[in-house]
Amino acid sequence: MVPVEGTFPRNRKGIFPQVDYGLCVFCGFCVDACSFNALYMSQEYELSTYNRLQLIYEPRLLATPPSASGHSHFIVTKNDAYHQEKSGTSSRT
């Protein structure tokens, strides 16, 4: 959790999560534990970089959903997030 500058009516302290993917093992426990459904697993897996600091995703980076590649588009609902193929099949993670 890190402080973010600005005013947020639902978060008076202005503290939001930050993820260090250099330490993450992609177990998904944070997704299960999040009571606000703000976190979700995606099929985004290419995180390679030469600078370890670029693996730290601050709240503003986490707020942007990943772009779906290929023949699918990203669906975000109230309780779920998943990729859906153009043919109608879905790939939930």
Protein backbone atom coordinates (compact mmCIF):
# COMPACT_ATOMS: atom_id res chain seq x y z
CA MET A 1 0.00 0.00 0.00
CA VAL A 2 1.37 3.40 -1.02
CA PRO A 3 0.03 6.95 -0.72
CA VAL A 4 -1.17 8.61 -3.94
CA GLU A 5 -1.51 12.35 -4.43
CA GLY A 6 -5.00 13.66 -5.12
CA THR A 7 -8.42 13.55 -3.50
CA PHE A 8 -10.49 10.40 -3.59
CA PRO A 9 -13.99 10.54 -2.04
CA ARG A 10 -14.09 6.81 -1.25
CA ASN A 11 -10.50 6.63 -0.03
CA ARG A 12 -9.85 9.60 2.23
CA LYS A 13 -6.31 8.52 3.10
CA GLY A 14 -5.35 8.17 -0.57
CA ILE A 15 -3.61 4.81 -0.02
CA PHE A 16 -3.70 2.26 -2.86
CA PRO A 17 -2.01 -1.10 -3.60
CA GLN A 18 1.29 -1.42 -5.41
CA VAL A 19 2.48 -4.72 -6.91
CA ASP A 20 6.12 -5.73 -7.29
CA TYR A 21 6.06 -8.38 -10.02
CA GLY A 22 9.71 -9.14 -9.27
CA LEU A 23 8.49 -10.73 -6.02
CA CYS A 24 5.12 -12.05 -7.27
CA VAL A 25 4.77 -15.81 -7.83
CA PHE A 26 1.39 -15.41 -9.61
CA CYS A 27 -0.44 -17.62 -7.12
CA GLY A 28 -3.66 -15.56 -7.27
CA PHE A 29 -4.15 -15.37 -3.48
CA CYS A 30 -4.37 -11.56 -3.65
CA VAL A 31 -7.22 -11.86 -6.17
CA ASP A 32 -9.10 -14.24 -3.86
CA ALA A 33 -8.49 -12.01 -0.81
CA CYS A 34 -9.53 -8.72 -2.45
CA SER A 35 -12.97 -7.92 -1.06
CA PHE A 36 -13.57 -5.16 -3.64
CA ASN A 37 -12.98 -7.28 -6.80
CA ALA A 38 -10.38 -4.72 -7.82
CA LEU A 39 -7.76 -7.34 -8.69
CA TYR A 40 -8.03 -10.03 -11.34
CA MET A 41 -5.77 -12.44 -13.16
CA SER A 42 -5.23 -11.84 -16.87
CA GLN A 43 -3.44 -13.62 -19.68
CA GLU A 44 -0.78 -10.89 -19.74
CA TYR A 45 2.46 -12.75 -19.12
CA GLU A 46 5.22 -10.83 -20.92
CA LEU A 47 6.84 -8.82 -18.13
CA SER A 48 10.51 -9.09 -19.09
CA THR A 49 12.69 -6.03 -18.57
CA TYR A 50 16.32 -5.10 -18.07
CA ASN A 51 15.49 -2.85 -15.12
CA ARG A 52 13.97 -4.44 -12.01
CA LEU A 53 12.31 -1.14 -11.03
CA GLN A 54 10.08 -1.43 -14.12
CA LEU A 55 8.48 -4.51 -12.52
CA ILE A 56 6.98 -2.35 -9.77
CA TYR A 57 3.45 -1.44 -10.83
CA GLU A 58 2.21 1.64 -9.02
CA PRO A 59 -1.53 2.32 -8.53
CA ARG A 60 -1.86 4.37 -11.73
CA LEU A 61 -0.39 1.50 -13.80
CA LEU A 62 -2.67 -1.01 -12.08
CA ALA A 63 -5.71 1.13 -12.89
CA THR A 64 -5.29 0.60 -16.64
CA PRO A 65 -6.60 -2.77 -17.87
CA PRO A 66 -4.24 -4.77 -20.08
CA SER A 67 -4.91 -4.81 -23.78
CA ALA A 68 -6.03 -8.16 -25.15
CA SER A 69 -4.02 -9.42 -28.08
CA GLY A 70 -5.06 -11.68 -30.90
CA HIS A 71 -8.69 -12.40 -31.71
CA SER A 72 -10.17 -11.64 -28.31
CA HIS A 73 -11.29 -8.67 -26.28
CA PHE A 74 -11.16 -8.00 -22.57
CA ILE A 75 -14.46 -8.07 -20.63
CA VAL A 76 -14.72 -6.46 -17.17
CA THR A 77 -17.94 -7.06 -15.23
CA LYS A 78 -18.95 -6.18 -11.67
CA ASN A 79 -17.59 -9.44 -10.24
CA ASP A 80 -15.28 -10.80 -12.93
CA ALA A 81 -12.78 -10.04 -15.67
CA TYR A 82 -11.90 -12.29 -18.59
CA HIS A 83 -10.94 -12.51 -22.27
CA GLN A 84 -13.63 -13.45 -24.76
CA GLU A 85 -12.85 -14.83 -28.19
CA LYS A 86 -14.68 -13.26 -31.14
CA SER A 87 -16.36 -16.62 -31.79
CA GLY A 88 -18.08 -16.35 -28.37
CA THR A 89 -15.96 -18.69 -26.22
CA SER A 90 -14.49 -17.21 -23.06
CA SER A 91 -11.16 -17.74 -21.31
CA ARG A 92 -11.62 -16.97 -17.63
CA THR A 93 -8.59 -16.78 -15.35
